[in-house]
Protein backbone atom coordinates (compact mmCIF):
# COMPACT_ATOMS: atom_id res chain seq x y z
CA UNK A 1 -125.27 -64.41 -93.83
CA UNK A 2 -124.30 -60.76 -93.45
CA UNK A 3 -122.74 -60.38 -90.00
CA UNK A 4 -121.57 -57.12 -88.45
CA UNK A 5 -119.93 -56.26 -85.16
CA UNK A 6 -120.52 -53.14 -83.12
CA UNK A 7 -117.59 -52.83 -80.69
CA UNK A 8 -117.29 -50.49 -77.75
CA UNK A 9 -116.80 -50.14 -74.03
CA UNK A 10 -120.48 -49.30 -73.33
CA UNK A 11 -119.70 -48.06 -69.80
CA UNK A 12 -122.68 -47.66 -69.57
CA UNK A 13 -124.80 -48.24 -72.65
CA UNK A 14 -126.72 -45.08 -73.62
CA UNK A 15 -129.67 -44.24 -75.83
CA UNK A 16 -127.11 -43.15 -78.43
CA UNK A 17 -125.64 -46.65 -78.49
CA UNK A 18 -129.10 -48.19 -78.64
CA UNK A 19 -129.99 -45.97 -81.60
CA UNK A 20 -126.94 -47.23 -83.51
CA UNK A 21 -127.73 -50.83 -82.51
CA UNK A 22 -131.33 -50.66 -83.73
CA UNK A 23 -130.44 -48.97 -87.01
CA UNK A 24 -127.53 -51.25 -87.85
CA UNK A 25 -129.44 -54.40 -86.84
CA UNK A 26 -131.91 -53.60 -89.63
CA UNK A 27 -129.08 -53.64 -92.18
CA UNK A 28 -127.58 -57.04 -91.40
CA UNK A 29 -128.66 -60.59 -90.68
CA UNK A 30 -126.75 -60.69 -87.40
CA UNK A 31 -125.28 -57.90 -85.28
CA UNK A 32 -122.79 -58.88 -82.61
CA UNK A 33 -122.18 -56.27 -79.95
CA UNK A 34 -118.62 -56.66 -78.71
CA UNK A 35 -117.95 -55.29 -75.25
CA UNK A 36 -114.27 -54.45 -75.05
CA UNK A 37 -112.27 -55.63 -72.09
CA UNK A 38 -109.49 -53.05 -72.00
CA UNK A 39 -106.94 -53.53 -69.23
CA UNK A 40 -105.62 -49.98 -69.65
CA UNK A 41 -108.96 -48.45 -68.62
CA UNK A 42 -110.74 -48.54 -65.29
CA UNK A 43 -114.43 -48.82 -66.15
CA UNK A 44 -117.25 -48.20 -63.69
CA UNK A 45 -118.90 -51.51 -64.64
CA UNK A 46 -117.20 -54.86 -65.10
CA UNK A 47 -117.25 -56.49 -68.54
CA UNK A 48 -119.84 -58.97 -67.29
CA UNK A 49 -122.08 -56.16 -65.98
CA UNK A 50 -121.83 -54.29 -69.28
CA UNK A 51 -122.63 -57.45 -71.27
CA UNK A 52 -125.65 -58.12 -69.03
CA UNK A 53 -126.93 -54.54 -69.38
CA UNK A 54 -126.65 -54.75 -73.16
CA UNK A 55 -128.41 -58.11 -73.24
CA UNK A 56 -131.26 -56.63 -71.22
CA UNK A 57 -131.72 -53.48 -73.33
CA UNK A 58 -131.45 -55.37 -76.64
CA UNK A 59 -133.53 -58.43 -75.71
CA UNK A 60 -136.32 -57.36 -78.10
CA UNK A 61 -134.00 -57.19 -81.13
CA UNK A 62 -133.91 -60.79 -82.40
CA UNK A 63 -130.77 -60.62 -84.55
CA UNK A 64 -128.53 -59.07 -81.87
CA UNK A 65 -126.01 -61.01 -79.80
CA UNK A 66 -123.83 -59.59 -77.04
CA UNK A 67 -120.41 -60.88 -76.07
CA UNK A 68 -117.12 -59.56 -74.75
CA UNK A 69 -113.70 -59.52 -76.33
CA UNK A 70 -110.14 -58.49 -75.64
CA UNK A 71 -107.33 -57.85 -78.07
CA UNK A 72 -107.52 -56.65 -81.64
CA UNK A 73 -110.85 -55.69 -83.15
CA UNK A 74 -109.90 -57.32 -86.45
CA UNK A 75 -109.28 -60.63 -84.68
CA UNK A 76 -112.66 -60.35 -82.97
CA UNK A 77 -114.28 -59.66 -86.35
CA UNK A 78 -112.62 -62.73 -87.84
CA UNK A 79 -113.71 -64.90 -84.88
CA UNK A 80 -117.30 -63.73 -85.47
CA UNK A 81 -117.09 -64.25 -89.24
CA UNK A 82 -118.04 -60.59 -89.58
CA UNK A 83 -117.28 -58.56 -92.66
CA UNK A 84 -118.62 -55.26 -91.30
CA UNK A 85 -117.59 -53.11 -88.35
CA UNK A 86 -120.26 -50.62 -87.24
CA UNK A 87 -119.18 -47.31 -85.76
CA UNK A 88 -121.26 -44.33 -84.65
CA UNK A 89 -120.11 -40.81 -85.38
CA UNK A 90 -121.11 -37.85 -83.23
CA UNK A 91 -118.76 -35.16 -84.50
CA UNK A 92 -115.91 -34.43 -86.89
CA UNK A 93 -113.39 -35.46 -84.25
CA UNK A 94 -115.02 -38.91 -84.09
CA UNK A 95 -114.73 -39.19 -87.86
CA UNK A 96 -111.02 -38.35 -87.94
CA UNK A 97 -110.24 -40.95 -85.26
CA UNK A 98 -112.54 -43.64 -86.69
CA UNK A 99 -111.34 -43.08 -90.27
CA UNK A 100 -107.74 -43.79 -89.27
CA UNK A 101 -108.77 -47.05 -87.59
CA UNK A 102 -111.03 -48.06 -90.47
CA UNK A 103 -108.21 -47.56 -92.95
CA UNK A 104 -105.70 -49.43 -90.79
CA UNK A 105 -108.15 -52.30 -90.27
CA UNK A 106 -108.85 -52.48 -94.00
CA UNK A 107 -105.13 -52.50 -94.81
CA UNK A 108 -104.59 -55.50 -92.54
CA UNK A 109 -107.92 -57.24 -93.30
CA UNK A 110 -109.07 -56.21 -96.82
CA UNK A 111 -112.32 -58.17 -96.41
CA UNK A 112 -113.43 -55.91 -93.50
CA UNK A 113 -115.48 -52.80 -94.18
CA UNK A 114 -116.43 -50.15 -91.66
CA UNK A 115 -119.96 -48.81 -91.71
CA UNK A 116 -120.23 -45.33 -90.23
CA UNK A 117 -123.62 -44.27 -88.91
CA UNK A 118 -124.17 -40.65 -88.04
CA UNK A 119 -125.66 -40.39 -84.60
CA UNK A 120 -129.19 -39.10 -84.32
CA UNK A 121 -128.88 -35.37 -83.59
CA UNK A 122 -130.84 -36.00 -80.39
CA UNK A 123 -127.82 -37.93 -79.05
CA UNK A 124 -124.96 -36.06 -80.74
CA UNK A 125 -123.62 -34.67 -77.47
CA UNK A 126 -124.09 -37.87 -75.47
CA UNK A 127 -121.22 -39.95 -74.13
CA UNK A 128 -120.90 -42.66 -71.52
CA UNK A 129 -118.36 -40.57 -69.63
CA UNK A 130 -120.83 -37.66 -69.40
CA UNK A 131 -123.52 -40.05 -68.12
CA UNK A 132 -121.13 -41.47 -65.50
CA UNK A 133 -120.15 -37.99 -64.34
CA UNK A 134 -123.75 -36.80 -64.12
CA UNK A 135 -124.80 -39.95 -62.25
CA UNK A 136 -121.82 -39.70 -59.89
CA UNK A 137 -123.22 -36.37 -58.64
CA UNK A 138 -126.80 -37.64 -58.50
CA UNK A 139 -127.91 -35.84 -61.65
CA UNK A 140 -130.91 -37.04 -63.64
CA UNK A 141 -129.70 -39.42 -66.36
CA UNK A 142 -133.16 -40.62 -67.41
CA UNK A 143 -132.93 -38.75 -70.73
CA UNK A 144 -129.71 -40.57 -71.61
CA UNK A 145 -130.09 -44.21 -70.52
CA UNK A 146 -132.93 -46.73 -70.23
CA UNK A 147 -134.51 -47.19 -66.77
CA UNK A 148 -132.71 -50.52 -66.29
CA UNK A 149 -129.31 -48.88 -66.87
CA UNK A 150 -130.25 -45.96 -64.63
CA UNK A 151 -131.07 -48.45 -61.87
CA UNK A 152 -127.72 -50.21 -62.35
CA UNK A 153 -125.90 -46.85 -62.23
CA UNK A 154 -127.65 -45.95 -58.97
CA UNK A 155 -126.84 -49.33 -57.43
CA UNK A 156 -123.18 -49.19 -58.51
CA UNK A 157 -122.62 -45.63 -57.35
CA UNK A 158 -124.46 -46.21 -54.04
CA UNK A 159 -122.26 -49.23 -53.33
CA UNK A 160 -119.13 -47.21 -54.18
CA UNK A 161 -120.26 -44.41 -51.84
CA UNK A 162 -120.86 -46.95 -49.07
CA UNK A 163 -117.38 -48.43 -49.62
CA UNK A 164 -115.84 -44.96 -49.52
CA UNK A 165 -117.69 -44.03 -46.30
CA UNK A 166 -116.54 -47.25 -44.60
CA UNK A 167 -112.88 -46.55 -45.41
């Protein structure tokens, strides 16, 4: 069975991520989306919330699983019996960064290959941080995220505003 992992923070998941998920899922028998739990970052959504959002937006893709992980990507790949790491590339700067990691991962785990997918030009400018910023100021994010994710963004940001007003 050809298993790949698609790791990321997905805070929140965007149409750009979903494009990479759909395309890479067609290339493998099983695609495992790994939601990174990174203690050095302060995400808007908890790991559990991000996993749940991804499960919802990928529920119609039968060979996709969603889970979380912490630690080294290569250890996560080994735990999943994956031989392929999927990465999306938006720009040259993404490539330079991802190439360094792909080479380092391959040096340590020669059985792991990295599959780079060029982002659909429609999403080449899109990032989770831009979506968060736009949503934070009540901008329209409907072009960038599915309705379910937009709803979760609204709920999260409304609750944060209410917390802030109470303090």
